[in-house]
N, C-alpha and C. Protein backbone atom coordinates (compact mmCIF):
# COMPACT_ATOMS: atom_id res chain seq x y z
N UNK A 1 67.70 148.24 77.56
CA UNK A 1 68.03 148.52 76.41
C UNK A 1 67.02 149.80 75.82
N UNK A 2 67.83 150.72 75.13
CA UNK A 2 66.89 151.83 74.56
C UNK A 2 65.91 151.48 73.46
N UNK A 3 65.21 152.06 73.12
CA UNK A 3 63.63 151.87 72.52
C UNK A 3 64.48 151.75 70.94
N UNK A 4 63.81 150.75 70.28
CA UNK A 4 64.59 150.53 68.68
C UNK A 4 64.37 151.93 68.03
N UNK A 5 64.12 153.04 68.02
CA UNK A 5 64.05 154.12 67.13
C UNK A 5 64.93 154.90 67.70
N UNK A 6 65.65 154.67 69.02
CA UNK A 6 67.12 155.17 69.29
C UNK A 6 68.41 154.68 69.09
N UNK A 7 68.11 153.67 68.40
CA UNK A 7 69.68 153.03 67.94
C UNK A 7 70.23 153.86 66.72
N UNK A 8 71.51 153.89 66.85
CA UNK A 8 72.08 154.26 65.60
C UNK A 8 72.23 153.24 65.08
N UNK A 9 72.68 153.34 63.50
CA UNK A 9 72.90 152.13 62.68
C UNK A 9 74.18 150.80 63.23
N UNK A 10 75.13 151.91 63.78
CA UNK A 10 76.15 151.13 64.18
C UNK A 10 75.81 150.64 65.83
N UNK A 11 74.90 150.74 66.28
CA UNK A 11 74.45 150.36 67.52
C UNK A 11 73.78 149.05 67.01
N UNK A 12 73.11 149.12 66.28
CA UNK A 12 71.89 148.04 65.77
C UNK A 12 73.04 147.32 64.91
N UNK A 13 74.07 147.42 64.69
CA UNK A 13 75.06 146.41 63.87
C UNK A 13 75.65 145.39 65.06
N UNK A 14 76.08 146.82 66.09
CA UNK A 14 76.89 145.52 67.33
C UNK A 14 75.81 144.83 68.08
N UNK A 15 74.38 145.43 68.23
CA UNK A 15 73.75 144.48 68.82
C UNK A 15 73.22 143.01 67.95
N UNK A 16 72.99 143.31 66.84
CA UNK A 16 73.02 142.04 66.11
C UNK A 16 74.10 140.89 65.86
N UNK A 17 75.43 141.57 65.98
CA UNK A 17 76.56 140.88 65.94
C UNK A 17 76.54 140.01 67.55
N UNK A 18 76.22 140.72 68.50
CA UNK A 18 76.26 140.21 69.66
C UNK A 18 75.07 138.78 69.63
N UNK A 19 74.26 139.43 69.11
CA UNK A 19 73.32 138.36 68.96
C UNK A 19 73.18 136.95 68.20
N UNK A 20 73.76 137.30 67.17
CA UNK A 20 74.27 136.22 66.54
C UNK A 20 75.48 135.28 67.24
N UNK A 21 76.65 135.59 67.92
CA UNK A 21 77.39 135.01 68.90
C UNK A 21 76.72 134.41 69.76
N UNK A 22 75.47 135.05 70.74
CA UNK A 22 74.77 134.31 71.81
C UNK A 22 74.16 133.54 70.95
N UNK A 23 73.57 133.25 69.94
CA UNK A 23 72.47 132.13 69.36
C UNK A 23 73.52 131.09 68.74
N UNK A 24 74.61 131.42 68.44
CA UNK A 24 75.60 130.23 67.75
C UNK A 24 75.44 129.51 69.12
N UNK A 25 76.32 130.32 70.09
CA UNK A 25 77.00 129.15 71.10
C UNK A 25 75.49 128.38 71.79
N UNK A 26 74.48 129.37 71.81
CA UNK A 26 73.53 128.40 72.52
C UNK A 26 72.93 127.47 71.37
N UNK A 27 72.64 127.67 70.33
CA UNK A 27 72.18 126.66 69.43
C UNK A 27 72.86 126.11 68.42
N UNK A 28 73.99 126.65 67.93
CA UNK A 28 74.99 126.25 66.95
C UNK A 28 74.67 126.81 65.36
N UNK A 29 75.25 126.91 64.68
CA UNK A 29 75.21 127.53 63.37
C UNK A 29 74.47 127.37 62.44
N UNK A 30 74.00 126.09 62.42
CA UNK A 30 72.75 125.24 61.42
C UNK A 30 71.64 126.12 61.75
N UNK A 31 71.37 126.91 62.94
CA UNK A 31 69.93 126.86 63.28
C UNK A 31 69.99 128.67 63.47
N UNK A 32 70.94 129.44 63.04
CA UNK A 32 70.90 130.61 63.09
C UNK A 32 70.00 130.94 61.97
N UNK A 33 69.24 132.06 61.76
CA UNK A 33 68.75 132.87 61.01
C UNK A 33 68.32 134.20 61.22
N UNK A 34 68.27 135.04 60.36
CA UNK A 34 68.19 136.54 60.59
C UNK A 34 66.82 136.69 61.28
N UNK A 35 65.61 136.12 61.14
CA UNK A 35 64.85 136.04 61.93
C UNK A 35 65.04 135.68 63.33
N UNK A 36 65.91 134.85 63.80
CA UNK A 36 65.98 134.70 65.38
C UNK A 36 66.96 135.65 65.77
N UNK A 37 67.90 136.34 64.73
CA UNK A 37 68.35 137.36 65.21
C UNK A 37 67.53 138.81 65.49
N UNK A 38 66.92 139.04 64.63
CA UNK A 38 66.10 140.07 64.87
C UNK A 38 65.20 139.81 65.86
N UNK A 39 64.62 138.59 66.52
CA UNK A 39 63.92 138.29 67.50
C UNK A 39 64.66 138.66 68.83
N UNK A 40 65.98 138.24 68.84
CA UNK A 40 66.73 138.05 69.92
C UNK A 40 66.79 140.11 70.24
N UNK A 41 66.65 140.75 69.34
CA UNK A 41 67.22 142.26 69.71
C UNK A 41 65.95 143.30 69.39
N UNK A 42 64.75 142.37 69.18
CA UNK A 42 63.46 143.39 68.92
C UNK A 42 63.09 144.01 67.84
N UNK A 43 63.66 143.14 66.90
CA UNK A 43 63.73 144.17 65.40
C UNK A 43 62.79 143.18 64.89
N UNK A 44 62.50 143.93 63.48
CA UNK A 44 62.36 142.98 62.53
C UNK A 44 63.28 142.49 61.48
N UNK A 45 63.04 141.43 61.04
CA UNK A 45 64.29 140.69 59.84
C UNK A 45 64.47 141.98 58.95
N UNK A 46 63.50 142.50 58.27
CA UNK A 46 63.64 143.93 57.25
C UNK A 46 64.31 144.96 57.65
N UNK A 47 64.33 145.25 58.88
CA UNK A 47 65.37 146.38 59.92
C UNK A 47 66.77 145.91 59.40
N UNK A 48 67.23 144.25 59.91
CA UNK A 48 68.45 143.84 59.85
C UNK A 48 68.99 144.26 58.47
N UNK A 49 68.19 143.79 57.13
CA UNK A 49 68.41 144.10 56.07
C UNK A 49 68.72 145.42 55.66
N UNK A 50 68.79 146.16 56.40
CA UNK A 50 68.81 147.76 56.00
C UNK A 50 70.59 147.98 56.77
N UNK A 51 70.78 147.13 57.66
CA UNK A 51 72.14 147.03 58.02
C UNK A 51 73.35 146.04 57.53
N UNK A 52 72.98 145.16 57.24
CA UNK A 52 73.32 143.71 56.59
C UNK A 52 72.96 143.20 55.24
N UNK A 53 73.64 142.79 54.73
CA UNK A 53 73.61 142.47 52.71
C UNK A 53 72.43 141.31 53.25
N UNK A 54 73.17 140.55 53.72
CA UNK A 54 72.13 139.04 53.98
C UNK A 54 72.51 138.65 55.32
N UNK A 55 72.27 137.08 55.46
CA UNK A 55 72.69 136.33 56.60
C UNK A 55 74.47 135.75 56.58
N UNK A 56 74.52 135.88 55.25
CA UNK A 56 76.44 135.67 55.10
C UNK A 56 76.99 137.03 55.80
N UNK A 57 76.53 137.97 55.04
CA UNK A 57 77.23 139.43 55.73
C UNK A 57 77.36 139.55 57.30
N UNK A 58 75.97 138.72 58.09
CA UNK A 58 76.13 139.41 59.41
C UNK A 58 76.90 138.10 60.10
N UNK A 59 76.82 136.63 59.46
CA UNK A 59 77.85 135.72 60.36
C UNK A 59 79.19 136.44 60.17
N UNK A 60 79.69 137.17 58.63
CA UNK A 60 81.15 137.49 58.56
C UNK A 60 81.40 138.29 59.59
N UNK A 61 80.46 139.57 59.67
CA UNK A 61 80.76 140.49 60.78
C UNK A 61 81.07 139.80 62.17
N UNK A 62 80.20 138.77 62.73
CA UNK A 62 80.41 138.19 63.73
C UNK A 62 81.76 137.54 63.83
N UNK A 63 82.15 136.77 62.68
CA UNK A 63 83.32 136.23 62.65
C UNK A 63 84.62 137.40 62.80
N UNK A 64 84.35 138.23 62.12
CA UNK A 64 85.24 139.34 62.06
C UNK A 64 85.32 139.62 63.77
N UNK A 65 84.92 140.00 64.66
CA UNK A 65 84.66 140.25 65.99
C UNK A 65 85.25 139.04 66.90
N UNK A 66 85.28 138.02 66.69
CA UNK A 66 85.92 136.97 66.69
C UNK A 66 87.29 136.69 66.64
N UNK A 67 88.04 137.17 65.04
CA UNK A 67 89.27 137.31 64.71
C UNK A 67 89.86 138.48 65.30
N UNK A 68 88.97 139.45 65.47
CA UNK A 68 89.54 140.59 66.07
C UNK A 68 89.91 140.25 67.38
N UNK A 69 89.66 139.81 68.12
CA UNK A 69 89.73 139.15 69.67
C UNK A 69 90.71 138.35 69.75
N UNK A 70 91.10 137.72 68.83
CA UNK A 70 92.22 136.50 68.73
C UNK A 70 93.57 137.52 68.29
N UNK A 71 93.61 138.59 67.11
CA UNK A 71 94.50 139.40 66.63
C UNK A 71 94.82 140.08 67.98
N UNK A 72 94.03 140.59 68.67
CA UNK A 72 94.49 141.25 69.94
C UNK A 72 95.49 140.54 70.89
N UNK A 73 94.66 139.41 71.07
CA UNK A 73 95.65 138.45 72.09
C UNK A 73 97.08 137.86 71.17
N UNK A 74 97.01 137.98 70.14
CA UNK A 74 98.42 137.65 69.44
C UNK A 74 99.50 138.90 69.32
N UNK A 75 98.75 139.82 68.96
CA UNK A 75 99.56 141.32 69.01
C UNK A 75 100.31 141.68 70.22
N UNK A 76 99.59 141.07 71.29
CA UNK A 76 99.88 141.44 72.86
C UNK A 76 101.19 140.20 72.72
N UNK A 77 101.20 139.20 72.42
CA UNK A 77 102.18 138.37 72.42
C UNK A 77 103.33 138.23 71.96
N UNK A 78 103.45 139.52 70.93
CA UNK A 78 104.07 139.82 69.48
C UNK A 78 105.72 140.25 70.19
N UNK A 79 105.26 140.63 71.60
CA UNK A 79 106.33 141.49 72.36
C UNK A 79 107.69 140.39 72.67
N UNK A 80 106.83 139.41 72.72
CA UNK A 80 108.12 138.17 73.32
C UNK A 80 109.23 138.05 72.48
N UNK A 81 110.13 137.12 72.91
CA UNK A 81 110.89 136.54 71.89
C UNK A 81 110.11 135.87 71.19
N UNK A 82 110.74 135.44 69.69
CA UNK A 82 109.71 134.77 68.95
C UNK A 82 109.23 133.20 68.97
N UNK A 83 110.34 132.37 69.66
CA UNK A 83 109.55 131.43 69.98
C UNK A 83 108.52 131.24 71.22
N UNK A 84 109.04 132.19 72.32
CA UNK A 84 108.00 132.24 73.32
C UNK A 84 106.69 132.81 72.50
N UNK A 85 106.60 134.10 71.43
CA UNK A 85 105.40 134.61 70.85
C UNK A 85 104.84 133.70 70.02
N UNK A 86 105.41 132.70 69.69
CA UNK A 86 104.62 131.91 68.64
C UNK A 86 103.96 130.73 69.15
N UNK A 87 104.59 130.55 70.41
CA UNK A 87 103.74 129.34 71.47
C UNK A 87 102.82 130.22 72.23
N UNK A 88 102.96 131.22 72.58
CA UNK A 88 101.54 131.96 72.87
C UNK A 88 100.54 132.07 72.16
N UNK A 89 100.71 132.40 70.94
CA UNK A 89 99.85 132.79 69.75
C UNK A 89 98.95 131.22 69.77
N UNK A 90 99.41 130.32 69.62
CA UNK A 90 99.30 129.05 69.36
C UNK A 90 98.08 128.58 70.80
N UNK A 91 98.99 129.16 71.61
CA UNK A 91 97.92 128.31 73.21
C UNK A 91 96.92 129.40 73.13
N UNK A 92 96.87 130.82 72.69
CA UNK A 92 95.30 131.24 72.29
C UNK A 92 94.66 131.28 71.35
N UNK A 93 95.04 130.31 70.48
CA UNK A 93 94.07 129.78 69.46
C UNK A 93 93.69 128.94 70.01
N UNK A 94 93.92 127.79 70.56
CA UNK A 94 93.52 126.54 71.37
C UNK A 94 92.77 126.99 72.71
N UNK A 95 92.97 127.91 73.46
CA UNK A 95 91.97 128.71 74.32
C UNK A 95 90.75 128.85 73.70
N UNK A 96 91.14 129.67 72.44
CA UNK A 96 89.47 130.02 71.73
C UNK A 96 88.82 128.69 71.59
N UNK A 97 89.45 127.82 70.77
CA UNK A 97 88.64 126.66 70.49
C UNK A 97 88.45 125.93 71.87
N UNK A 98 89.01 125.87 72.88
CA UNK A 98 88.45 125.06 73.85
C UNK A 98 87.48 126.02 74.83
N UNK A 99 87.70 127.62 74.85
CA UNK A 99 86.62 128.14 75.80
C UNK A 99 85.25 128.65 75.04
N UNK A 100 85.72 128.89 73.57
CA UNK A 100 84.63 129.54 72.68
C UNK A 100 84.32 128.72 71.58
N UNK A 101 84.09 127.20 71.77
CA UNK A 101 83.76 126.54 70.59
C UNK A 101 82.99 127.07 69.56
N UNK A 102 81.85 126.98 69.75
CA UNK A 102 80.88 127.54 68.65
C UNK A 102 81.29 128.42 67.90
N UNK A 103 82.10 129.71 68.48
CA UNK A 103 82.44 130.96 67.99
C UNK A 103 83.71 130.50 66.84
N UNK A 104 84.78 129.48 67.43
CA UNK A 104 85.45 129.05 66.64
C UNK A 104 85.38 128.37 65.80
N UNK A 105 84.42 127.44 65.80
CA UNK A 105 83.92 126.47 64.70
C UNK A 105 82.99 127.55 63.84
N UNK A 106 82.57 128.50 64.04
CA UNK A 106 81.75 129.26 63.40
C UNK A 106 82.76 130.17 62.09
N UNK A 107 83.80 130.22 62.53
CA UNK A 107 84.87 130.81 61.41
C UNK A 107 85.36 130.00 60.47
N UNK A 108 85.46 128.61 60.84
CA UNK A 108 85.52 127.62 60.03
C UNK A 108 84.74 126.99 59.30
N UNK A 109 83.66 126.90 59.90
CA UNK A 109 82.22 125.98 59.27
C UNK A 109 81.55 126.67 58.14
N UNK A 110 81.41 128.12 58.38
CA UNK A 110 80.45 129.18 57.40
C UNK A 110 81.12 128.78 56.36
N UNK A 111 80.08 128.28 55.22
CA UNK A 111 80.73 128.40 53.72
C UNK A 111 79.43 129.38 53.31
N UNK A 112 80.00 130.25 52.06
CA UNK A 112 79.40 131.28 51.85
C UNK A 112 77.91 130.82 50.67
N UNK A 113 76.49 131.13 50.91
CA UNK A 113 75.87 131.17 50.28
C UNK A 113 76.26 130.95 48.79
N UNK A 114 75.73 129.85 48.15
CA UNK A 114 75.67 129.93 46.24
C UNK A 114 77.03 129.93 46.15
N UNK A 115 78.25 129.62 46.66
CA UNK A 115 79.38 129.95 46.42
C UNK A 115 79.95 131.54 46.27
N UNK A 116 79.21 131.98 46.85
CA UNK A 116 79.85 133.78 46.46
C UNK A 116 81.09 133.96 47.14
N UNK A 117 81.79 135.15 46.54
CA UNK A 117 83.20 135.22 46.95
C UNK A 117 83.23 135.72 48.07
N UNK A 118 84.28 135.41 49.09
CA UNK A 118 84.34 135.99 50.62
C UNK A 118 84.77 137.36 50.32
N UNK A 119 84.48 138.50 50.79
CA UNK A 119 84.64 139.48 50.56
C UNK A 119 86.03 139.99 51.25
N UNK A 120 86.60 140.90 50.29
CA UNK A 120 88.38 141.26 50.77
C UNK A 120 88.30 141.90 51.82
N UNK A 121 87.47 142.78 52.78
CA UNK A 121 87.87 143.23 53.93
C UNK A 121 87.93 141.75 54.94
N UNK A 122 87.02 140.75 54.59
CA UNK A 122 87.25 139.47 55.77
C UNK A 122 88.52 138.60 55.70
N UNK A 123 88.88 138.79 54.28
CA UNK A 123 90.04 138.02 54.10
C UNK A 123 91.47 138.74 54.35
N UNK A 124 91.23 140.31 54.39
CA UNK A 124 92.21 140.85 54.97
C UNK A 124 92.20 140.79 56.56
N UNK A 125 91.41 140.37 57.40
CA UNK A 125 91.43 139.77 58.64
C UNK A 125 92.22 138.55 58.50
N UNK A 126 91.85 137.79 57.95
CA UNK A 126 92.82 136.53 58.03
C UNK A 126 94.63 136.87 57.56
N UNK A 127 94.55 137.55 56.63
CA UNK A 127 95.86 137.85 56.40
C UNK A 127 96.54 138.49 57.61
N UNK A 128 96.00 139.18 58.18
CA UNK A 128 96.70 139.87 59.15
C UNK A 128 96.78 139.08 60.38
N UNK A 129 96.19 137.95 60.65
CA UNK A 129 96.51 136.82 61.47
C UNK A 129 97.43 136.07 61.18
N UNK A 130 97.80 135.64 59.89
CA UNK A 130 99.00 135.04 59.25
C UNK A 130 100.09 135.89 59.31
N UNK A 131 99.89 137.39 59.00
CA UNK A 131 101.18 138.19 59.25
C UNK A 131 101.95 138.17 60.57
N UNK A 132 101.09 137.85 61.55
CA UNK A 132 101.76 138.06 63.12
C UNK A 132 102.61 136.96 63.15
N UNK A 133 102.25 135.59 62.68
CA UNK A 133 102.90 134.62 62.43
C UNK A 133 103.97 134.49 61.75
N UNK A 134 103.76 135.16 60.66
CA UNK A 134 104.98 135.29 59.61
C UNK A 134 106.02 136.24 60.41
N UNK A 135 105.79 137.29 61.03
CA UNK A 135 106.58 138.03 61.61
C UNK A 135 107.59 137.49 62.51
N UNK A 136 107.13 136.65 63.58
CA UNK A 136 107.72 135.56 64.32
C UNK A 136 108.58 134.46 63.64
N UNK A 137 108.29 134.10 62.85
CA UNK A 137 109.19 133.22 61.98
C UNK A 137 110.22 133.93 61.24
N UNK A 138 109.92 134.91 60.69
CA UNK A 138 111.20 135.82 60.06
C UNK A 138 111.94 136.25 61.25
N UNK A 139 111.59 136.34 62.47
CA UNK A 139 112.60 136.86 63.42
C UNK A 139 113.62 135.73 63.82
N UNK A 140 113.22 134.42 63.56
CA UNK A 140 113.84 133.49 64.18
C UNK A 140 115.43 133.29 63.55
N UNK A 141 115.27 133.70 62.57
CA UNK A 141 116.67 133.98 61.48
C UNK A 141 116.67 132.87 60.46
N UNK A 142 117.97 132.50 59.97
CA UNK A 142 117.96 131.55 59.20
C UNK A 142 117.81 132.19 57.74
N UNK A 143 118.45 131.63 56.44
CA UNK A 143 118.47 132.09 55.20
C UNK A 143 117.09 131.58 54.17
N UNK A 144 116.20 132.47 54.79
CA UNK A 144 114.70 131.74 54.39
C UNK A 144 114.05 133.33 53.14
N UNK A 145 113.23 132.58 52.28
CA UNK A 145 112.77 133.51 51.58
C UNK A 145 111.56 133.95 51.88
N UNK A 146 110.85 134.93 51.36
CA UNK A 146 109.13 134.91 51.47
C UNK A 146 108.33 133.84 51.69
N UNK A 147 108.58 133.06 50.19
CA UNK A 147 107.84 132.11 50.07
C UNK A 147 107.89 130.86 51.00
N UNK A 148 109.29 130.56 51.62
CA UNK A 148 109.41 129.64 52.87
C UNK A 148 108.70 129.92 53.97
N UNK A 149 108.68 131.75 54.58
CA UNK A 149 108.13 132.20 55.47
C UNK A 149 106.77 131.71 55.16
N UNK A 150 105.92 132.49 54.21
CA UNK A 150 104.69 131.75 54.08
C UNK A 150 104.05 130.56 54.23
N UNK A 151 104.98 129.66 54.05
CA UNK A 151 104.51 127.93 54.16
C UNK A 151 104.72 127.48 55.67
N UNK A 152 106.17 128.24 56.19
CA UNK A 152 106.37 127.75 57.57
C UNK A 152 105.25 128.29 58.21
N UNK A 153 104.54 129.35 58.25
CA UNK A 153 103.41 130.08 59.35
C UNK A 153 102.08 129.09 59.07
N UNK A 154 101.83 128.63 57.67
CA UNK A 154 100.64 128.14 57.31
C UNK A 154 100.59 126.42 58.16
N UNK A 155 101.83 125.88 57.74
CA UNK A 155 102.48 124.58 58.27
C UNK A 155 102.16 124.72 59.88
N UNK A 156 102.55 125.30 60.29
CA UNK A 156 102.25 125.67 61.83
C UNK A 156 100.70 125.68 62.36
N UNK A 157 100.26 126.77 61.33
CA UNK A 157 98.83 127.02 61.93
C UNK A 157 98.26 125.96 61.34
N UNK A 158 98.23 125.24 60.68
CA UNK A 158 97.63 123.77 60.46
C UNK A 158 97.92 122.73 61.41
N UNK A 159 98.96 122.39 61.87
CA UNK A 159 99.04 121.95 63.25
C UNK A 159 98.43 122.01 64.47
N UNK A 160 98.85 123.44 64.64
CA UNK A 160 98.08 123.94 65.74
C UNK A 160 95.99 123.67 65.46
N UNK A 161 95.53 124.08 63.99
CA UNK A 161 94.68 124.19 64.24
C UNK A 161 93.93 122.51 64.05
N UNK A 162 94.79 121.67 63.96
CA UNK A 162 94.73 119.91 63.76
C UNK A 162 94.20 119.45 65.33
N UNK A 163 95.01 120.50 66.31
CA UNK A 163 95.20 119.98 67.64
C UNK A 163 93.57 120.72 68.26
N UNK A 164 93.03 121.63 67.53
CA UNK A 164 92.05 122.05 68.36
C UNK A 164 90.76 121.51 67.82
N UNK A 165 90.95 121.08 66.79
CA UNK A 165 89.97 119.86 66.19
C UNK A 165 89.99 118.84 67.09
N UNK A 166 91.25 118.04 67.29
CA UNK A 166 90.76 117.07 68.10
C UNK A 166 90.93 117.65 69.45
N UNK A 167 90.84 118.36 70.33
CA UNK A 167 90.61 118.87 71.50
C UNK A 167 89.16 119.17 71.60
N UNK A 168 88.64 119.83 70.64
CA UNK A 168 87.14 120.04 70.78
C UNK A 168 86.13 118.88 70.62
N UNK A 169 86.98 118.00 70.21
CA UNK A 169 85.72 116.64 69.65
C UNK A 169 86.56 115.82 70.65
N UNK A 170 87.07 115.99 71.49
CA UNK A 170 87.45 115.21 72.84
C UNK A 170 88.48 113.91 72.11
N UNK A 171 89.38 114.21 71.14
CA UNK A 171 89.81 113.11 70.16
C UNK A 171 91.32 113.06 70.92
N UNK A 172 91.44 114.06 71.24
CA UNK A 172 93.25 113.72 71.83
C UNK A 172 93.58 112.64 72.53
N UNK A 173 92.87 111.97 73.13
CA UNK A 173 93.27 110.70 74.17
C UNK A 173 92.94 109.77 73.75
N UNK A 174 92.51 109.47 72.28
CA UNK A 174 92.13 108.10 71.65
C UNK A 174 93.62 107.32 71.95
N UNK A 175 94.54 107.75 71.79
CA UNK A 175 95.71 106.90 71.98
C UNK A 175 96.50 107.17 73.08
N UNK A 176 95.77 107.84 74.00
CA UNK A 176 96.15 107.43 75.73
C UNK A 176 96.18 109.02 76.15
N UNK A 177 96.27 109.34 77.49
CA UNK A 177 96.68 110.42 78.13
C UNK A 177 97.68 111.44 77.54
N UNK A 178 97.28 112.69 76.80
CA UNK A 178 98.48 113.62 76.39
C UNK A 178 97.90 114.80 77.01
N UNK A 179 98.75 115.51 77.04
CA UNK A 179 98.94 117.37 77.77
C UNK A 179 99.15 117.67 76.37
N UNK A 180 98.09 119.13 76.17
CA UNK A 180 97.93 119.42 74.58
C UNK A 180 99.24 120.62 75.03
N UNK A 181 99.24 120.86 76.09
CA UNK A 181 100.59 122.04 75.96
C UNK A 181 101.66 121.30 76.05
N UNK A 182 101.87 120.41 76.36
CA UNK A 182 103.20 119.59 75.79
C UNK A 182 103.14 119.16 74.35
N UNK A 183 102.05 119.07 73.94
CA UNK A 183 102.21 118.55 72.55
C UNK A 183 102.50 119.92 71.59
N UNK A 184 101.90 121.02 72.14
CA UNK A 184 102.66 122.49 71.34
C UNK A 184 104.10 122.47 71.83
N UNK A 185 104.59 122.51 72.84
CA UNK A 185 105.70 122.68 72.82
C UNK A 185 106.81 121.70 71.97
N UNK A 186 106.47 120.34 72.30
CA UNK A 186 107.14 119.71 71.31
C UNK A 186 107.01 119.98 70.13
N UNK A 187 106.53 120.44 69.33
CA UNK A 187 105.76 120.87 67.97
C UNK A 187 106.83 122.05 67.77
N UNK A 188 106.49 123.03 68.71
CA UNK A 188 107.25 124.14 68.13
C UNK A 188 108.82 124.22 68.24
N UNK A 189 108.98 123.32 69.39
CA UNK A 189 110.71 123.40 69.75
C UNK A 189 111.04 122.63 68.52
N UNK A 190 110.60 121.12 68.35
CA UNK A 190 111.67 120.38 66.88
C UNK A 190 111.38 121.50 65.86
N UNK A 191 110.05 121.99 65.13
CA UNK A 191 110.10 122.58 63.96
C UNK A 191 110.65 123.60 63.80
N UNK A 192 110.52 124.69 65.14
CA UNK A 192 111.20 125.94 64.68
C UNK A 192 113.09 125.58 64.96
N UNK A 193 113.47 124.59 65.97
CA UNK A 193 114.97 124.11 66.10
C UNK A 193 115.24 123.98 64.33
N UNK A 194 114.76 123.26 63.66
CA UNK A 194 115.09 123.02 62.47
C UNK A 194 115.05 123.97 61.47
N UNK A 195 114.03 124.76 61.74
CA UNK A 195 113.92 125.76 60.90
C UNK A 195 114.83 127.28 61.02
N UNK A 196 115.42 127.37 62.39
CA UNK A 196 116.03 128.59 62.49
C UNK A 196 117.59 127.93 62.11
N UNK A 197 117.97 126.82 62.29
CA UNK A 197 119.23 126.32 61.76
C UNK A 197 119.25 125.91 60.23
N UNK A 198 118.45 125.61 59.56
CA UNK A 198 118.41 125.28 58.06
C UNK A 198 118.64 126.18 57.24
N UNK A 199 119.31 126.07 56.12
CA UNK A 199 119.96 127.00 55.15
C UNK A 199 119.51 126.98 53.77
N UNK A 200 119.19 127.64 52.96
CA UNK A 200 118.06 127.43 51.69
C UNK A 200 119.72 126.60 50.74
N UNK A 201 119.31 125.74 50.21
CA UNK A 201 120.51 125.37 49.34
C UNK A 201 120.71 126.37 48.25
């Protein structure tokens, strides 16, 4: 690693974000602090406050990295026919939950300090993810308006997210052995079959 005074602002930001991801994976979000991040990368906490507004900003930047990685996978899947694309996107979401559980949880567990508003740049990241799903739902056809497409995308996401929560908590097998991929296939087959064939009143 370069000496501290050899790191640019952008390099320091990248180092800190990676340290957040490592620390959360190792110790959990509840034990994260600016001091620990600074220690991990060999800087003082004060130096980090020249790059990040506060701990919330640092966490959001780390979450944005996770969302960007998921967005990249979803964008790659978008070239497939819509049903396959949606199933691939859902599979990528569950894979993130399974393989990088701590980072996945950090996206949803983090709450802004003192109920501060979530910055628009971060909200835009989540909008991009939902936009990918909405685009595929719209490609399925049927006489549906923008509001219905918006609702369908979030209904599918909520269902897949619920599977992710149960999977990482090892609760999918409470009612017996189950194949989560088969559950995904069943969900999307029946929901999308109804969606594509349904006409608005």
